[in-house]
Amino acid sequence: QVQLVESGGGLVQPGGSLRLSCVASGFTFSINYMHWVRQAPGKGLEWLSIINPGGDATRTVDAVKGRFTISRDNAKNTLYLQMNRLNTDDTAVYYCTHGGWGYWGQGTQVTVSS
């Protein structure tokens, strides 16, 4: 069965960094585009970033471009999101999903607070 398991969230102070991970199983990870999406409290889903199967092409939303970096390790079936210079507006549940957005993990909570 397809599974996506996000981890790495937590409580961090403004200006801090976190690296999120998403471990995939049950499908051929290495041929799929992958995305990071987040949902802030009381808000809808916000698409963040996409990475191609080979991991050498990405696009990132302007709101986090330059601070967030998507990457992947196909040998480990793992997607990453490096988040730097976090601010309170980054507080959200972060999800990974594949190109078709048909499968989602449980999400990982990121809370940015002083």
C-alpha atoms as a PDB file:
ATOM      1  CA  GLN A   1       0.000   0.000   0.000  1.00  0.00           C
ATOM      2  CA  VAL A   2       1.168   3.516  -0.760  1.00  0.00           C
ATOM      3  CA  GLN A   3       2.509   5.278   2.285  1.00  0.00           C
ATOM      4  CA  LEU A   4       4.015   8.703   2.806  1.00  0.00           C
ATOM      5  CA  VAL A   5       5.385   9.444   6.248  1.00  0.00           C
ATOM      6  CA  GLU A   6       6.457  12.982   7.068  1.00  0.00           C
ATOM      7  CA  SER A   7       8.719  13.762   9.982  1.00  0.00           C
ATOM      8  CA  GLY A   8      11.082  16.403  11.285  1.00  0.00           C
ATOM      9  CA  GLY A   9       8.641  19.028  12.442  1.00  0.00           C
ATOM     10  CA  GLY A  10       8.668  20.633  15.832  1.00  0.00           C
ATOM     11  CA  LEU A  11       8.896  23.880  17.727  1.00  0.00           C
ATOM     12  CA  VAL A  12      11.516  26.336  16.534  1.00  0.00           C
ATOM     13  CA  GLN A  13      12.274  29.995  17.208  1.00  0.00           C
ATOM     14  CA  PRO A  14      12.015  32.638  14.491  1.00  0.00           C
ATOM     15  CA  GLY A  15      15.149  32.600  12.393  1.00  0.00           C
ATOM     16  CA  GLY A  16      15.737  28.935  13.031  1.00  0.00           C
ATOM     17  CA  SER A  17      15.906  25.991  10.666  1.00  0.00           C
ATOM     18  CA  LEU A  18      14.328  22.582  10.272  1.00  0.00           C
ATOM     19  CA  ARG A  19      14.705  19.772   7.786  1.00  0.00           C
ATOM     20  CA  LEU A  20      11.577  17.794   7.029  1.00  0.00           C
ATOM     21  CA  SER A  21      11.645  14.289   5.622  1.00  0.00           C
ATOM     22  CA  CYS A  22       9.054  12.248   3.774  1.00  0.00           C
ATOM     23  CA  VAL A  23       9.650   8.525   3.429  1.00  0.00           C
ATOM     24  CA  ALA A  24       7.699   6.913   0.604  1.00  0.00           C
ATOM     25  CA  SER A  25       6.756   3.300   0.032  1.00  0.00           C
ATOM     26  CA  GLY A  26       4.344   1.272  -2.061  1.00  0.00           C
ATOM     27  CA  PHE A  27       5.082   2.969  -5.369  1.00  0.00           C
ATOM     28  CA  THR A  28       8.021   3.707  -7.612  1.00  0.00           C
ATOM     29  CA  PHE A  29       9.267   6.834  -5.928  1.00  0.00           C
ATOM     30  CA  SER A  30      12.088   7.470  -8.381  1.00  0.00           C
ATOM     31  CA  ILE A  31       9.799   8.076 -11.385  1.00  0.00           C
ATOM     32  CA  ASN A  32       7.385  10.411  -9.609  1.00  0.00           C
ATOM     33  CA  TYR A  33       7.345  14.142  -9.286  1.00  0.00           C
ATOM     34  CA  MET A  34       7.006  15.048  -5.626  1.00  0.00           C
ATOM     35  CA  HIS A  35       5.560  18.068  -3.843  1.00  0.00           C
ATOM     36  CA  TRP A  36       5.528  19.767  -0.493  1.00  0.00           C
ATOM     37  CA  VAL A  37       2.258  21.400   0.564  1.00  0.00           C
ATOM     38  CA  ARG A  38       1.335  23.061   3.838  1.00  0.00           C
ATOM     39  CA  GLN A  39      -1.769  24.123   5.721  1.00  0.00           C
ATOM     40  CA  ALA A  40      -1.576  26.946   8.222  1.00  0.00           C
ATOM     41  CA  PRO A  41      -4.134  27.178  11.039  1.00  0.00           C
ATOM     42  CA  GLY A  42      -7.519  28.179   9.665  1.00  0.00           C
ATOM     43  CA  LYS A  43      -6.273  28.312   6.089  1.00  0.00           C
ATOM     44  CA  GLY A  44      -6.407  26.126   3.033  1.00  0.00           C
ATOM     45  CA  LEU A  45      -3.695  24.098   1.408  1.00  0.00           C
ATOM     46  CA  GLU A  46      -0.764  26.082   0.090  1.00  0.00           C
ATOM     47  CA  TRP A  47       1.475  24.499  -2.506  1.00  0.00           C
ATOM     48  CA  LEU A  48       5.144  25.072  -1.764  1.00  0.00           C
ATOM     49  CA  SER A  49       7.488  23.237  -4.067  1.00  0.00           C
ATOM     50  CA  ILE A  50       7.935  20.539  -6.683  1.00  0.00           C
ATOM     51  CA  ILE A  51      10.873  18.397  -7.682  1.00  0.00           C
ATOM     52  CA  ASN A  52      11.258  16.279 -10.786  1.00  0.00           C
ATOM     53  CA  PRO A  53      12.010  12.552 -10.607  1.00  0.00           C
ATOM     54  CA  GLY A  54      15.732  12.975 -11.142  1.00  0.00           C
ATOM     55  CA  GLY A  55      16.006  15.660  -8.495  1.00  0.00           C
ATOM     56  CA  ASP A  56      17.723  18.157 -10.768  1.00  0.00           C
ATOM     57  CA  ALA A  57      14.808  20.520 -11.454  1.00  0.00           C
ATOM     58  CA  THR A  58      12.660  22.329  -8.903  1.00  0.00           C
ATOM     59  CA  ARG A  59      10.125  25.114  -8.597  1.00  0.00           C
ATOM     60  CA  THR A  60       9.231  26.866  -5.378  1.00  0.00           C
ATOM     61  CA  VAL A  61       6.552  29.375  -4.492  1.00  0.00           C
ATOM     62  CA  ASP A  62       7.754  32.955  -4.095  1.00  0.00           C
ATOM     63  CA  ALA A  63       6.656  33.104  -0.468  1.00  0.00           C
ATOM     64  CA  VAL A  64       9.390  30.684   0.564  1.00  0.00           C
ATOM     65  CA  LYS A  65      11.799  30.807  -2.367  1.00  0.00           C
ATOM     66  CA  GLY A  66      15.324  31.382  -1.155  1.00  0.00           C
ATOM     67  CA  ARG A  67      14.529  30.006   2.288  1.00  0.00           C
ATOM     68  CA  PHE A  68      13.146  26.542   1.518  1.00  0.00           C
ATOM     69  CA  THR A  69      14.918  23.949  -0.592  1.00  0.00           C
ATOM     70  CA  ILE A  70      13.323  20.749  -1.844  1.00  0.00           C
ATOM     71  CA  SER A  71      15.509  17.742  -2.553  1.00  0.00           C
ATOM     72  CA  ARG A  72      15.283  13.977  -2.783  1.00  0.00           C
ATOM     73  CA  ASP A  73      17.299  10.829  -2.325  1.00  0.00           C
ATOM     74  CA  ASN A  74      15.832   8.205  -4.612  1.00  0.00           C
ATOM     75  CA  ALA A  75      18.015   5.469  -3.141  1.00  0.00           C
ATOM     76  CA  LYS A  76      16.291   6.078   0.200  1.00  0.00           C
ATOM     77  CA  ASN A  77      12.811   6.799  -1.204  1.00  0.00           C
ATOM     78  CA  THR A  78      12.948  10.035   0.724  1.00  0.00           C
ATOM     79  CA  LEU A  79      11.908  13.603  -0.030  1.00  0.00           C
ATOM     80  CA  TYR A  80      13.332  16.498   1.973  1.00  0.00           C
ATOM     81  CA  LEU A  81      12.458  20.101   2.679  1.00  0.00           C
ATOM     82  CA  GLN A  82      15.214  22.221   4.165  1.00  0.00           C
ATOM     83  CA  MET A  83      13.640  25.257   5.813  1.00  0.00           C
ATOM     84  CA  ASN A  84      15.823  28.177   6.847  1.00  0.00           C
ATOM     85  CA  ARG A  85      15.134  31.576   8.385  1.00  0.00           C
ATOM     86  CA  LEU A  86      11.752  30.429   9.592  1.00  0.00           C
ATOM     87  CA  ASN A  87       9.177  32.988  10.643  1.00  0.00           C
ATOM     88  CA  THR A  88       5.837  32.755  12.389  1.00  0.00           C
ATOM     89  CA  ASP A  89       3.982  32.688   9.075  1.00  0.00           C
ATOM     90  CA  ASP A  90       5.602  29.318   8.397  1.00  0.00           C
ATOM     91  CA  THR A  91       3.643  27.709  11.211  1.00  0.00           C
ATOM     92  CA  ALA A  92       1.621  24.962   9.543  1.00  0.00           C
ATOM     93  CA  VAL A  93       1.190  21.271   9.033  1.00  0.00           C
ATOM     94  CA  TYR A  94       3.516  20.209   6.236  1.00  0.00           C
ATOM     95  CA  TYR A  95       2.597  17.413   3.859  1.00  0.00           C
ATOM     96  CA  CYS A  96       4.322  15.630   1.046  1.00  0.00           C
ATOM     97  CA  THR A  97       2.518  14.182  -1.932  1.00  0.00           C
ATOM     98  CA  HIS A  98       3.243  12.805  -5.371  1.00  0.00           C
ATOM     99  CA  GLY A  99       2.558  14.368  -8.740  1.00  0.00           C
ATOM    100  CA  GLY A 100      -1.073  13.340  -8.847  1.00  0.00           C
ATOM    101  CA  TRP A 101      -1.862  14.485  -5.292  1.00  0.00           C
ATOM    102  CA  GLY A 102      -3.728  11.240  -4.704  1.00  0.00           C
ATOM    103  CA  TYR A 103      -1.791  10.068  -1.689  1.00  0.00           C
ATOM    104  CA  TRP A 104      -0.890  12.035   1.417  1.00  0.00           C
ATOM    105  CA  GLY A 105       0.945  11.401   4.618  1.00  0.00           C
ATOM    106  CA  GLN A 106      -0.211  12.329   8.075  1.00  0.00           C
ATOM    107  CA  GLY A 107       1.720  15.583   7.963  1.00  0.00           C
ATOM    108  CA  THR A 108       4.229  17.003  10.383  1.00  0.00           C
ATOM    109  CA  GLN A 109       3.572  20.047  12.538  1.00  0.00           C
ATOM    110  CA  VAL A 110       5.939  22.993  12.341  1.00  0.00           C
ATOM    111  CA  THR A 111       5.468  25.681  14.958  1.00  0.00           C
ATOM    112  CA  VAL A 112       7.570  28.833  14.800  1.00  0.00           C
ATOM    113  CA  SER A 113       7.308  30.802  18.008  1.00  0.00           C
ATOM    114  CA  SER A 114       9.458  32.707  20.437  1.00  0.00           C
END
